[in-house]
mmCIF file of all heavy atoms, coordinates in Angstrom:
data_MODEL
# 
_entry.id   MODEL 
# 
loop_
_atom_site.group_PDB 
_atom_site.id 
_atom_site.type_symbol 
_atom_site.label_atom_id 
_atom_site.label_alt_id 
_atom_site.label_comp_id 
_atom_site.label_asym_id 
_atom_site.label_entity_id 
_atom_site.label_seq_id 
_atom_site.pdbx_PDB_ins_code 
_atom_site.Cartn_x 
_atom_site.Cartn_y 
_atom_site.Cartn_z 
_atom_site.occupancy 
_atom_site.B_iso_or_equiv 
_atom_site.pdbx_formal_charge 
_atom_site.auth_seq_id 
_atom_site.auth_comp_id 
_atom_site.auth_asym_id 
_atom_site.auth_atom_id 
_atom_site.pdbx_PDB_model_num 
ATOM 1   N N   . VAL A 1 1  ? 21.206 -10.667 -1.770 1.00 0.00 ? 1  VAL A N   1 
ATOM 2   C CA  . VAL A 1 1  ? 21.328 -11.004 -0.498 1.00 0.00 ? 1  VAL A CA  1 
ATOM 3   C C   . VAL A 1 1  ? 20.156 -10.645 0.273  1.00 0.00 ? 1  VAL A C   1 
ATOM 4   O O   . VAL A 1 1  ? 19.467 -11.477 1.110  1.00 0.00 ? 1  VAL A O   1 
ATOM 5   C CB  . VAL A 1 1  ? 22.711 -10.374 0.164  1.00 0.00 ? 1  VAL A CB  1 
ATOM 6   C CG1 . VAL A 1 1  ? 22.608 -10.660 1.797  1.00 0.00 ? 1  VAL A CG1 1 
ATOM 7   C CG2 . VAL A 1 1  ? 23.840 -10.867 -0.389 1.00 0.00 ? 1  VAL A CG2 1 
ATOM 8   N N   . VAL A 1 2  ? 19.571 -9.418  0.230  1.00 0.00 ? 2  VAL A N   1 
ATOM 9   C CA  . VAL A 1 2  ? 18.461 -9.043  0.941  1.00 0.00 ? 2  VAL A CA  1 
ATOM 10  C C   . VAL A 1 2  ? 17.318 -9.835  0.581  1.00 0.00 ? 2  VAL A C   1 
ATOM 11  O O   . VAL A 1 2  ? 16.383 -10.312 1.319  1.00 0.00 ? 2  VAL A O   1 
ATOM 12  C CB  . VAL A 1 2  ? 18.221 -7.556  0.828  1.00 0.00 ? 2  VAL A CB  1 
ATOM 13  C CG1 . VAL A 1 2  ? 16.907 -7.152  1.553  1.00 0.00 ? 2  VAL A CG1 1 
ATOM 14  C CG2 . VAL A 1 2  ? 19.336 -6.693  1.329  1.00 0.00 ? 2  VAL A CG2 1 
ATOM 15  N N   . ALA A 1 3  ? 16.970 -10.073 -0.805 1.00 0.00 ? 3  ALA A N   1 
ATOM 16  C CA  . ALA A 1 3  ? 15.894 -10.744 -1.270 1.00 0.00 ? 3  ALA A CA  1 
ATOM 17  C C   . ALA A 1 3  ? 16.006 -12.274 -0.743 1.00 0.00 ? 3  ALA A C   1 
ATOM 18  O O   . ALA A 1 3  ? 14.895 -12.884 -0.320 1.00 0.00 ? 3  ALA A O   1 
ATOM 19  C CB  . ALA A 1 3  ? 15.802 -10.740 -2.721 1.00 0.00 ? 3  ALA A CB  1 
ATOM 20  N N   . LEU A 1 4  ? 17.127 -12.818 -0.768 1.00 0.00 ? 4  LEU A N   1 
ATOM 21  C CA  . LEU A 1 4  ? 17.210 -14.279 -0.304 1.00 0.00 ? 4  LEU A CA  1 
ATOM 22  C C   . LEU A 1 4  ? 16.881 -14.445 1.184  1.00 0.00 ? 4  LEU A C   1 
ATOM 23  O O   . LEU A 1 4  ? 16.340 -15.271 1.533  1.00 0.00 ? 4  LEU A O   1 
ATOM 24  C CB  . LEU A 1 4  ? 18.728 -14.742 -0.664 1.00 0.00 ? 4  LEU A CB  1 
ATOM 25  C CG  . LEU A 1 4  ? 18.981 -16.275 -0.542 1.00 0.00 ? 4  LEU A CG  1 
ATOM 26  C CD1 . LEU A 1 4  ? 18.109 -16.884 -1.631 1.00 0.00 ? 4  LEU A CD1 1 
ATOM 27  C CD2 . LEU A 1 4  ? 20.411 -16.516 -0.815 1.00 0.00 ? 4  LEU A CD2 1 
ATOM 28  N N   . SER A 1 5  ? 17.412 -13.446 2.021  1.00 0.00 ? 5  SER A N   1 
ATOM 29  C CA  . SER A 1 5  ? 17.104 -13.486 3.506  1.00 0.00 ? 5  SER A CA  1 
ATOM 30  C C   . SER A 1 5  ? 15.550 -13.358 3.650  1.00 0.00 ? 5  SER A C   1 
ATOM 31  O O   . SER A 1 5  ? 15.016 -13.975 4.551  1.00 0.00 ? 5  SER A O   1 
ATOM 32  C CB  . SER A 1 5  ? 17.891 -12.380 4.090  1.00 0.00 ? 5  SER A CB  1 
ATOM 33  O OG  . SER A 1 5  ? 17.490 -11.075 3.696  1.00 0.00 ? 5  SER A OG  1 
ATOM 34  N N   . LEU A 1 6  ? 14.949 -12.483 2.822  1.00 0.00 ? 6  LEU A N   1 
ATOM 35  C CA  . LEU A 1 6  ? 13.499 -12.327 2.990  1.00 0.00 ? 6  LEU A CA  1 
ATOM 36  C C   . LEU A 1 6  ? 12.773 -13.581 2.602  1.00 0.00 ? 6  LEU A C   1 
ATOM 37  O O   . LEU A 1 6  ? 11.751 -13.970 3.186  1.00 0.00 ? 6  LEU A O   1 
ATOM 38  C CB  . LEU A 1 6  ? 13.044 -11.059 2.069  1.00 0.00 ? 6  LEU A CB  1 
ATOM 39  C CG  . LEU A 1 6  ? 13.354 -9.718  2.741  1.00 0.00 ? 6  LEU A CG  1 
ATOM 40  C CD1 . LEU A 1 6  ? 12.908 -8.657  1.666  1.00 0.00 ? 6  LEU A CD1 1 
ATOM 41  C CD2 . LEU A 1 6  ? 12.710 -9.492  4.112  1.00 0.00 ? 6  LEU A CD2 1 
ATOM 42  N N   . ILE A 1 7  ? 13.138 -14.074 1.414  1.00 0.00 ? 7  ILE A N   1 
ATOM 43  C CA  . ILE A 1 7  ? 12.317 -15.441 0.839  1.00 0.00 ? 7  ILE A CA  1 
ATOM 44  C C   . ILE A 1 7  ? 12.642 -16.453 1.727  1.00 0.00 ? 7  ILE A C   1 
ATOM 45  O O   . ILE A 1 7  ? 11.680 -17.247 1.949  1.00 0.00 ? 7  ILE A O   1 
ATOM 46  C CB  . ILE A 1 7  ? 12.745 -15.598 -0.560 1.00 0.00 ? 7  ILE A CB  1 
ATOM 47  C CG1 . ILE A 1 7  ? 12.476 -14.376 -1.460 1.00 0.00 ? 7  ILE A CG1 1 
ATOM 48  C CG2 . ILE A 1 7  ? 12.258 -16.890 -1.097 1.00 0.00 ? 7  ILE A CG2 1 
ATOM 49  C CD1 . ILE A 1 7  ? 13.019 -14.475 -2.876 1.00 0.00 ? 7  ILE A CD1 1 
ATOM 50  N N   . ARG A 1 8  ? 13.787 -16.726 2.167  1.00 0.00 ? 8  ARG A N   1 
ATOM 51  C CA  . ARG A 1 8  ? 14.158 -17.914 2.872  1.00 0.00 ? 8  ARG A CA  1 
ATOM 52  C C   . ARG A 1 8  ? 13.581 -17.964 4.427  1.00 0.00 ? 8  ARG A C   1 
ATOM 53  O O   . ARG A 1 8  ? 13.001 -19.009 4.786  1.00 0.00 ? 8  ARG A O   1 
ATOM 54  C CB  . ARG A 1 8  ? 15.603 -18.254 2.919  1.00 0.00 ? 8  ARG A CB  1 
ATOM 55  C CG  . ARG A 1 8  ? 16.162 -18.778 1.647  1.00 0.00 ? 8  ARG A CG  1 
ATOM 56  C CD  . ARG A 1 8  ? 17.585 -19.189 1.859  1.00 0.00 ? 8  ARG A CD  1 
ATOM 57  N NE  . ARG A 1 8  ? 18.148 -19.889 0.550  1.00 0.00 ? 8  ARG A NE  1 
ATOM 58  C CZ  . ARG A 1 8  ? 19.404 -20.206 0.416  1.00 0.00 ? 8  ARG A CZ  1 
ATOM 59  N NH1 . ARG A 1 8  ? 20.194 -20.056 1.503  1.00 0.00 ? 8  ARG A NH1 1 
ATOM 60  N NH2 . ARG A 1 8  ? 19.754 -20.792 -0.702 1.00 0.00 ? 8  ARG A NH2 1 
ATOM 61  N N   . GLU A 1 9  ? 13.890 -16.896 5.005  1.00 0.00 ? 9  GLU A N   1 
ATOM 62  C CA  . GLU A 1 9  ? 13.379 -16.929 6.399  1.00 0.00 ? 9  GLU A CA  1 
ATOM 63  C C   . GLU A 1 9  ? 12.434 -15.632 6.843  1.00 0.00 ? 9  GLU A C   1 
ATOM 64  O O   . GLU A 1 9  ? 11.479 -15.957 7.550  1.00 0.00 ? 9  GLU A O   1 
ATOM 65  C CB  . GLU A 1 9  ? 14.718 -16.724 7.239  1.00 0.00 ? 9  GLU A CB  1 
ATOM 66  C CG  . GLU A 1 9  ? 15.693 -17.904 7.185  1.00 0.00 ? 9  GLU A CG  1 
ATOM 67  C CD  . GLU A 1 9  ? 15.094 -19.192 7.493  1.00 0.00 ? 9  GLU A CD  1 
ATOM 68  O OE1 . GLU A 1 9  ? 14.100 -19.308 8.444  1.00 0.00 ? 9  GLU A OE1 1 
ATOM 69  O OE2 . GLU A 1 9  ? 15.556 -20.254 7.034  1.00 0.00 ? 9  GLU A OE2 1 
ATOM 70  N N   . GLY A 1 10 ? 12.767 -14.392 6.301  1.00 0.00 ? 10 GLY A N   1 
ATOM 71  C CA  . GLY A 1 10 ? 12.125 -13.333 6.890  1.00 0.00 ? 10 GLY A CA  1 
ATOM 72  C C   . GLY A 1 10 ? 10.640 -13.335 6.574  1.00 0.00 ? 10 GLY A C   1 
ATOM 73  O O   . GLY A 1 10 ? 9.727  -13.258 7.475  1.00 0.00 ? 10 GLY A O   1 
ATOM 74  N N   . VAL A 1 11 ? 10.195 -13.510 5.324  1.00 0.00 ? 11 VAL A N   1 
ATOM 75  C CA  . VAL A 1 11 ? 8.717  -13.437 4.917  1.00 0.00 ? 11 VAL A CA  1 
ATOM 76  C C   . VAL A 1 11 ? 8.003  -14.716 5.614  1.00 0.00 ? 11 VAL A C   1 
ATOM 77  O O   . VAL A 1 11 ? 6.886  -14.525 6.069  1.00 0.00 ? 11 VAL A O   1 
ATOM 78  C CB  . VAL A 1 11 ? 8.601  -13.438 3.482  1.00 0.00 ? 11 VAL A CB  1 
ATOM 79  C CG1 . VAL A 1 11 ? 7.053  -13.571 3.136  1.00 0.00 ? 11 VAL A CG1 1 
ATOM 80  C CG2 . VAL A 1 11 ? 9.264  -12.055 2.919  1.00 0.00 ? 11 VAL A CG2 1 
ATOM 81  N N   . PRO A 1 12 ? 8.482  -15.965 5.433  1.00 0.00 ? 12 PRO A N   1 
ATOM 82  C CA  . PRO A 1 12 ? 7.589  -17.040 5.962  1.00 0.00 ? 12 PRO A CA  1 
ATOM 83  C C   . PRO A 1 12 ? 7.423  -16.853 7.494  1.00 0.00 ? 12 PRO A C   1 
ATOM 84  O O   . PRO A 1 12 ? 6.245  -17.145 7.854  1.00 0.00 ? 12 PRO A O   1 
ATOM 85  C CB  . PRO A 1 12 ? 8.475  -18.325 5.708  1.00 0.00 ? 12 PRO A CB  1 
ATOM 86  C CG  . PRO A 1 12 ? 9.286  -17.880 4.441  1.00 0.00 ? 12 PRO A CG  1 
ATOM 87  C CD  . PRO A 1 12 ? 9.534  -16.385 4.660  1.00 0.00 ? 12 PRO A CD  1 
ATOM 88  N N   . VAL A 1 13 ? 8.401  -16.420 8.235  1.00 0.00 ? 13 VAL A N   1 
ATOM 89  C CA  . VAL A 1 13 ? 8.199  -16.317 9.586  1.00 0.00 ? 13 VAL A CA  1 
ATOM 90  C C   . VAL A 1 13 ? 7.415  -15.104 10.024 1.00 0.00 ? 13 VAL A C   1 
ATOM 91  O O   . VAL A 1 13 ? 6.406  -15.247 10.735 1.00 0.00 ? 13 VAL A O   1 
ATOM 92  C CB  . VAL A 1 13 ? 9.558  -16.182 10.318 1.00 0.00 ? 13 VAL A CB  1 
ATOM 93  C CG1 . VAL A 1 13 ? 9.403  -15.997 11.871 1.00 0.00 ? 13 VAL A CG1 1 
ATOM 94  C CG2 . VAL A 1 13 ? 10.366 -17.671 10.041 1.00 0.00 ? 13 VAL A CG2 1 
ATOM 95  N N   . MET A 1 14 ? 7.817  -13.947 9.501  1.00 0.00 ? 14 MET A N   1 
ATOM 96  C CA  . MET A 1 14 ? 7.069  -12.737 9.916  1.00 0.00 ? 14 MET A CA  1 
ATOM 97  C C   . MET A 1 14 ? 5.655  -12.616 9.447  1.00 0.00 ? 14 MET A C   1 
ATOM 98  O O   . MET A 1 14 ? 4.796  -12.238 10.096 1.00 0.00 ? 14 MET A O   1 
ATOM 99  C CB  . MET A 1 14 ? 7.927  -11.469 9.349  1.00 0.00 ? 14 MET A CB  1 
ATOM 100 C CG  . MET A 1 14 ? 9.233  -11.297 9.895  1.00 0.00 ? 14 MET A CG  1 
ATOM 101 S SD  . MET A 1 14 ? 9.362  -11.224 11.728 1.00 0.00 ? 14 MET A SD  1 
ATOM 102 C CE  . MET A 1 14 ? 8.549  -9.765  11.951 1.00 0.00 ? 14 MET A CE  1 
ATOM 103 N N   . ALA A 1 15 ? 5.406  -13.023 8.167  1.00 0.00 ? 15 ALA A N   1 
ATOM 104 C CA  . ALA A 1 15 ? 4.099  -13.095 7.645  1.00 0.00 ? 15 ALA A CA  1 
ATOM 105 C C   . ALA A 1 15 ? 3.177  -14.114 8.381  1.00 0.00 ? 15 ALA A C   1 
ATOM 106 O O   . ALA A 1 15 ? 2.083  -13.896 8.777  1.00 0.00 ? 15 ALA A O   1 
ATOM 107 C CB  . ALA A 1 15 ? 4.089  -13.498 6.148  1.00 0.00 ? 15 ALA A CB  1 
ATOM 108 N N   . SER A 1 16 ? 3.748  -15.298 8.706  1.00 0.00 ? 16 SER A N   1 
ATOM 109 C CA  . SER A 1 16 ? 2.964  -16.217 9.505  1.00 0.00 ? 16 SER A CA  1 
ATOM 110 C C   . SER A 1 16 ? 2.649  -15.730 10.910 1.00 0.00 ? 16 SER A C   1 
ATOM 111 O O   . SER A 1 16 ? 1.562  -15.869 11.341 1.00 0.00 ? 16 SER A O   1 
ATOM 112 C CB  . SER A 1 16 ? 3.881  -17.511 9.643  1.00 0.00 ? 16 SER A CB  1 
ATOM 113 O OG  . SER A 1 16 ? 3.975  -18.064 8.370  1.00 0.00 ? 16 SER A OG  1 
ATOM 114 N N   . LEU A 1 17 ? 3.512  -14.978 11.528 1.00 0.00 ? 17 LEU A N   1 
ATOM 115 C CA  . LEU A 1 17 ? 3.296  -14.433 12.829 1.00 0.00 ? 17 LEU A CA  1 
ATOM 116 C C   . LEU A 1 17 ? 2.118  -13.374 12.747 1.00 0.00 ? 17 LEU A C   1 
ATOM 117 O O   . LEU A 1 17 ? 1.266  -13.328 13.572 1.00 0.00 ? 17 LEU A O   1 
ATOM 118 C CB  . LEU A 1 17 ? 4.547  -13.877 13.426 1.00 0.00 ? 17 LEU A CB  1 
ATOM 119 C CG  . LEU A 1 17 ? 5.622  -14.847 13.833 1.00 0.00 ? 17 LEU A CG  1 
ATOM 120 C CD1 . LEU A 1 17 ? 6.692  -14.107 14.421 1.00 0.00 ? 17 LEU A CD1 1 
ATOM 121 C CD2 . LEU A 1 17 ? 4.991  -15.675 15.074 1.00 0.00 ? 17 LEU A CD2 1 
ATOM 122 N N   . ALA A 1 18 ? 2.202  -12.587 11.699 1.00 0.00 ? 18 ALA A N   1 
ATOM 123 C CA  . ALA A 1 18 ? 1.212  -11.619 11.472 1.00 0.00 ? 18 ALA A CA  1 
ATOM 124 C C   . ALA A 1 18 ? -0.165 -12.187 11.210 1.00 0.00 ? 18 ALA A C   1 
ATOM 125 O O   . ALA A 1 18 ? -1.151 -11.734 11.734 1.00 0.00 ? 18 ALA A O   1 
ATOM 126 C CB  . ALA A 1 18 ? 1.538  -10.681 10.230 1.00 0.00 ? 18 ALA A CB  1 
ATOM 127 N N   . ILE A 1 19 ? -0.234 -13.285 10.344 1.00 0.00 ? 19 ILE A N   1 
ATOM 128 C CA  . ILE A 1 19 ? -1.613 -14.015 10.306 1.00 0.00 ? 19 ILE A CA  1 
ATOM 129 C C   . ILE A 1 19 ? -1.952 -14.543 11.571 1.00 0.00 ? 19 ILE A C   1 
ATOM 130 O O   . ILE A 1 19 ? -3.172 -14.529 11.952 1.00 0.00 ? 19 ILE A O   1 
ATOM 131 C CB  . ILE A 1 19 ? -1.407 -15.164 9.231  1.00 0.00 ? 19 ILE A CB  1 
ATOM 132 C CG1 . ILE A 1 19 ? -0.894 -14.343 7.889  1.00 0.00 ? 19 ILE A CG1 1 
ATOM 133 C CG2 . ILE A 1 19 ? -2.629 -15.805 8.974  1.00 0.00 ? 19 ILE A CG2 1 
ATOM 134 C CD1 . ILE A 1 19 ? -0.579 -15.431 6.780  1.00 0.00 ? 19 ILE A CD1 1 
ATOM 135 N N   . VAL A 1 20 ? -1.110 -15.130 12.243 1.00 0.00 ? 20 VAL A N   1 
ATOM 136 C CA  . VAL A 1 20 ? -1.582 -15.767 13.681 1.00 0.00 ? 20 VAL A CA  1 
ATOM 137 C C   . VAL A 1 20 ? -2.053 -14.699 14.518 1.00 0.00 ? 20 VAL A C   1 
ATOM 138 O O   . VAL A 1 20 ? -3.230 -14.901 15.226 1.00 0.00 ? 20 VAL A O   1 
ATOM 139 C CB  . VAL A 1 20 ? -0.314 -16.415 14.300 1.00 0.00 ? 20 VAL A CB  1 
ATOM 140 C CG1 . VAL A 1 20 ? -0.695 -16.800 15.671 1.00 0.00 ? 20 VAL A CG1 1 
ATOM 141 C CG2 . VAL A 1 20 ? -0.019 -17.592 13.570 1.00 0.00 ? 20 VAL A CG2 1 
ATOM 142 N N   . THR A 1 21 ? -1.412 -13.515 14.538 1.00 0.00 ? 21 THR A N   1 
ATOM 143 C CA  . THR A 1 21 ? -1.926 -12.437 15.388 1.00 0.00 ? 21 THR A CA  1 
ATOM 144 C C   . THR A 1 21 ? -3.383 -11.864 14.924 1.00 0.00 ? 21 THR A C   1 
ATOM 145 O O   . THR A 1 21 ? -4.208 -11.714 15.744 1.00 0.00 ? 21 THR A O   1 
ATOM 146 C CB  . THR A 1 21 ? -0.932 -11.300 15.278 1.00 0.00 ? 21 THR A CB  1 
ATOM 147 O OG1 . THR A 1 21 ? 0.349  -11.758 15.794 1.00 0.00 ? 21 THR A OG1 1 
ATOM 148 C CG2 . THR A 1 21 ? -1.474 -10.148 16.215 1.00 0.00 ? 21 THR A CG2 1 
ATOM 149 N N   . GLN A 1 22 ? -3.552 -11.821 13.665 1.00 0.00 ? 22 GLN A N   1 
ATOM 150 C CA  . GLN A 1 22 ? -4.718 -11.248 13.208 1.00 0.00 ? 22 GLN A CA  1 
ATOM 151 C C   . GLN A 1 22 ? -5.854 -12.184 12.983 1.00 0.00 ? 22 GLN A C   1 
ATOM 152 O O   . GLN A 1 22 ? -7.110 -12.075 13.555 1.00 0.00 ? 22 GLN A O   1 
ATOM 153 C CB  . GLN A 1 22 ? -4.456 -10.589 11.771 1.00 0.00 ? 22 GLN A CB  1 
ATOM 154 C CG  . GLN A 1 22 ? -5.754 -10.047 11.120 1.00 0.00 ? 22 GLN A CG  1 
ATOM 155 C CD  . GLN A 1 22 ? -6.070 -8.683  11.714 1.00 0.00 ? 22 GLN A CD  1 
ATOM 156 O OE1 . GLN A 1 22 ? -5.269 -8.068  12.261 1.00 0.00 ? 22 GLN A OE1 1 
ATOM 157 N NE2 . GLN A 1 22 ? -7.360 -8.186  11.519 1.00 0.00 ? 22 GLN A NE2 1 
ATOM 158 N N   . PHE A 1 23 ? -5.543 -13.370 12.433 1.00 0.00 ? 23 PHE A N   1 
ATOM 159 C CA  . PHE A 1 23 ? -6.577 -14.399 12.109 1.00 0.00 ? 23 PHE A CA  1 
ATOM 160 C C   . PHE A 1 23 ? -6.863 -15.351 13.156 1.00 0.00 ? 23 PHE A C   1 
ATOM 161 O O   . PHE A 1 23 ? -8.028 -15.599 13.597 1.00 0.00 ? 23 PHE A O   1 
ATOM 162 C CB  . PHE A 1 23 ? -6.225 -15.123 10.848 1.00 0.00 ? 23 PHE A CB  1 
ATOM 163 C CG  . PHE A 1 23 ? -7.092 -16.257 10.495 1.00 0.00 ? 23 PHE A CG  1 
ATOM 164 C CD1 . PHE A 1 23 ? -8.358 -16.037 9.973  1.00 0.00 ? 23 PHE A CD1 1 
ATOM 165 C CD2 . PHE A 1 23 ? -6.639 -17.470 10.600 1.00 0.00 ? 23 PHE A CD2 1 
ATOM 166 C CE1 . PHE A 1 23 ? -9.167 -17.104 9.572  1.00 0.00 ? 23 PHE A CE1 1 
ATOM 167 C CE2 . PHE A 1 23 ? -7.493 -18.662 10.159 1.00 0.00 ? 23 PHE A CE2 1 
ATOM 168 C CZ  . PHE A 1 23 ? -8.877 -18.384 9.772  1.00 0.00 ? 23 PHE A CZ  1 
ATOM 169 N N   . CYS A 1 24 ? -5.806 -15.969 13.743 1.00 0.00 ? 24 CYS A N   1 
ATOM 170 C CA  . CYS A 1 24 ? -6.109 -17.032 14.746 1.00 0.00 ? 24 CYS A CA  1 
ATOM 171 C C   . CYS A 1 24 ? -6.643 -16.658 15.998 1.00 0.00 ? 24 CYS A C   1 
ATOM 172 O O   . CYS A 1 24 ? -7.528 -17.133 16.632 1.00 0.00 ? 24 CYS A O   1 
ATOM 173 C CB  . CYS A 1 24 ? -4.727 -17.834 14.996 1.00 0.00 ? 24 CYS A CB  1 
ATOM 174 S SG  . CYS A 1 24 ? -4.018 -18.567 13.421 1.00 0.00 ? 24 CYS A SG  1 
ATOM 175 N N   . THR A 1 25 ? -6.227 -15.314 16.451 1.00 0.00 ? 25 THR A N   1 
ATOM 176 C CA  . THR A 1 25 ? -6.940 -14.782 17.654 1.00 0.00 ? 25 THR A CA  1 
ATOM 177 C C   . THR A 1 25 ? -8.404 -14.531 17.506 1.00 0.00 ? 25 THR A C   1 
ATOM 178 O O   . THR A 1 25 ? -9.126 -14.877 18.354 1.00 0.00 ? 25 THR A O   1 
ATOM 179 C CB  . THR A 1 25 ? -6.187 -13.453 18.029 1.00 0.00 ? 25 THR A CB  1 
ATOM 180 O OG1 . THR A 1 25 ? -6.182 -12.648 16.996 1.00 0.00 ? 25 THR A OG1 1 
ATOM 181 C CG2 . THR A 1 25 ? -4.886 -13.664 18.478 1.00 0.00 ? 25 THR A CG2 1 
# 
């Protein structure tokens, strides 16, 4: 359950936000 929540929603959203914060700025 935890892995599925991370793979489907958690990691794509949170990792993308982190990249936007670090790289895009």
